[in-house]
């Protein structure tokens, strides 16, 4: 399982989405159109602007949100984010292709658990 780190920040003109992933090849990039799916089954499409920063073991790409999209994110939870990691993979390299980061606190739960299993992204974004 690949671990991803998703961050949202407020800017003067809207917002910024940062997607980071561990990698074995810093020449890979997170690129292409990224889709942010919301709790009401709508989505926000983020076009690739070529904003990325890779280190030896981490890929990071940035996508922009408009002010209207940030307002939408303040009202609705992020359900998942779909994106692509591109590059030429080898036998022992990290995975490439299409990935989906799902808003879940834990993949393991019981039917007796009463607590919510997702992060309240709308509340966190409203604080920005």
Protein backbone atom coordinates (compact mmCIF):
# COMPACT_ATOMS: atom_id res chain seq x y z
CA UNK A 1 0.00 0.00 0.00
CA UNK A 2 1.32 3.42 -0.95
CA UNK A 3 0.99 6.14 1.68
CA UNK A 4 0.02 9.60 0.53
CA UNK A 5 -0.03 12.93 2.34
CA UNK A 6 -2.73 15.40 1.31
CA UNK A 7 -2.63 19.04 2.40
CA UNK A 8 -4.85 22.04 1.59
CA UNK A 9 -3.72 25.63 2.09
CA UNK A 10 -5.42 28.99 1.61
CA UNK A 11 -3.93 31.52 -0.83
CA UNK A 12 -4.88 35.10 -1.76
CA UNK A 13 -6.72 33.92 -4.88
CA UNK A 14 -8.19 30.66 -3.58
CA UNK A 15 -6.28 27.63 -2.36
CA UNK A 16 -3.63 25.05 -2.97
CA UNK A 17 -3.73 21.24 -2.89
CA UNK A 18 -0.46 19.43 -2.15
CA UNK A 19 -0.17 15.70 -2.82
CA UNK A 20 2.95 13.91 -1.55
CA UNK A 21 4.01 10.27 -1.86
CA UNK A 22 7.06 8.23 -0.92
CA UNK A 23 9.06 6.97 -3.89
CA UNK A 24 12.16 5.03 -4.87
CA UNK A 25 12.64 7.13 -8.00
CA UNK A 26 12.70 10.96 -7.70
CA UNK A 27 12.28 11.23 -11.49
CA UNK A 28 8.63 10.16 -11.17
CA UNK A 29 6.06 12.98 -11.01
CA UNK A 30 2.49 13.37 -9.83
CA UNK A 31 0.92 14.96 -12.88
CA UNK A 32 -2.11 15.13 -15.12
CA UNK A 33 -5.63 16.15 -14.20
CA UNK A 34 -6.46 15.47 -10.55
CA UNK A 35 -10.04 14.98 -9.38
CA UNK A 36 -11.23 15.87 -5.88
CA UNK A 37 -14.48 13.98 -5.20
CA UNK A 38 -16.80 15.49 -2.58
CA UNK A 39 -19.35 14.00 -0.19
CA UNK A 40 -22.31 15.06 -2.37
CA UNK A 41 -20.86 13.09 -5.36
CA UNK A 42 -19.73 16.25 -7.15
CA UNK A 43 -16.08 16.81 -8.00
CA UNK A 44 -13.49 19.50 -8.56
CA UNK A 45 -11.16 19.06 -11.52
CA UNK A 46 -7.61 20.37 -10.99
CA UNK A 47 -5.56 20.80 -14.15
CA UNK A 48 -1.84 20.17 -14.05
CA UNK A 49 0.10 23.44 -13.94
CA UNK A 50 3.50 21.73 -13.73
CA UNK A 51 4.08 22.73 -10.10
CA UNK A 52 6.07 19.98 -8.41
CA UNK A 53 9.02 19.49 -6.10
CA UNK A 54 10.70 16.12 -5.68
CA UNK A 55 13.36 15.09 -3.19
CA UNK A 56 15.35 11.85 -2.98
CA UNK A 57 12.46 9.85 -1.56
CA UNK A 58 9.33 12.04 -1.83
CA UNK A 59 7.20 13.25 -4.74
CA UNK A 60 5.18 16.44 -4.19
CA UNK A 61 2.85 18.19 -6.63
CA UNK A 62 0.69 21.28 -6.20
CA UNK A 63 -2.72 22.01 -7.73
CA UNK A 64 -4.67 25.26 -7.40
CA UNK A 65 -8.24 25.90 -6.25
CA UNK A 66 -10.28 28.98 -7.15
CA UNK A 67 -12.04 30.98 -4.41
CA UNK A 68 -15.38 29.37 -5.41
CA UNK A 69 -13.83 25.89 -5.14
CA UNK A 70 -12.43 26.71 -1.70
CA UNK A 71 -15.90 27.85 -0.58
CA UNK A 72 -17.28 24.52 -1.81
CA UNK A 73 -14.58 22.66 0.15
CA UNK A 74 -15.63 24.54 3.29
CA UNK A 75 -19.17 23.12 2.97
CA UNK A 76 -18.50 19.55 1.81
CA UNK A 77 -16.12 16.81 2.95
CA UNK A 78 -13.51 15.47 0.56
CA UNK A 79 -14.44 11.82 -0.12
CA UNK A 80 -11.42 10.93 -2.27
CA UNK A 81 -8.76 12.34 -4.57
CA UNK A 82 -7.79 10.67 -7.86
CA UNK A 83 -4.40 11.40 -9.45
CA UNK A 84 -1.60 9.94 -11.58
CA UNK A 85 2.03 9.12 -10.89
CA UNK A 86 3.98 9.10 -14.15
CA UNK A 87 7.43 7.82 -14.98
CA UNK A 88 9.27 4.79 -16.30
CA UNK A 89 9.08 2.05 -13.67
CA UNK A 90 11.50 -0.82 -13.23
CA UNK A 91 11.51 -4.14 -11.37
CA UNK A 92 12.18 -2.62 -7.96
CA UNK A 93 10.78 0.87 -8.36
CA UNK A 94 7.69 2.48 -6.85
CA UNK A 95 4.35 1.99 -8.54
CA UNK A 96 3.16 4.28 -11.32
CA UNK A 97 -0.33 4.77 -12.74
CA UNK A 98 -3.69 5.94 -11.39
CA UNK A 99 -4.18 6.24 -7.62
CA UNK A 100 -7.06 7.18 -5.34
CA UNK A 101 -6.52 8.59 -1.85
CA UNK A 102 -9.65 7.80 0.19
CA UNK A 103 -10.76 9.83 3.21
CA UNK A 104 -10.58 7.14 5.91
CA UNK A 105 -9.07 7.20 9.38
CA UNK A 106 -8.69 3.42 9.47
CA UNK A 107 -9.27 0.57 7.06
CA UNK A 108 -10.07 -1.78 9.91
CA UNK A 109 -13.23 -1.43 11.95
CA UNK A 110 -15.98 -3.46 13.58
CA UNK A 111 -19.73 -3.16 13.31
CA UNK A 112 -19.84 -2.17 16.99
CA UNK A 113 -17.73 0.95 16.53
CA UNK A 114 -19.85 4.11 16.84
CA UNK A 115 -17.25 6.74 15.93
CA UNK A 116 -16.98 8.33 12.50
CA UNK A 117 -14.29 6.76 10.27
CA UNK A 118 -13.56 9.80 8.07
CA UNK A 119 -11.80 13.10 8.57
CA UNK A 120 -13.97 16.25 8.69
CA UNK A 121 -12.11 18.04 5.91
CA UNK A 122 -14.74 20.77 5.57
CA UNK A 123 -14.27 21.85 9.19
CA UNK A 124 -10.48 21.87 8.86
CA UNK A 125 -10.60 23.90 5.62
CA UNK A 126 -13.08 26.38 7.16
CA UNK A 127 -10.49 27.21 9.82
CA UNK A 128 -7.94 28.31 7.18
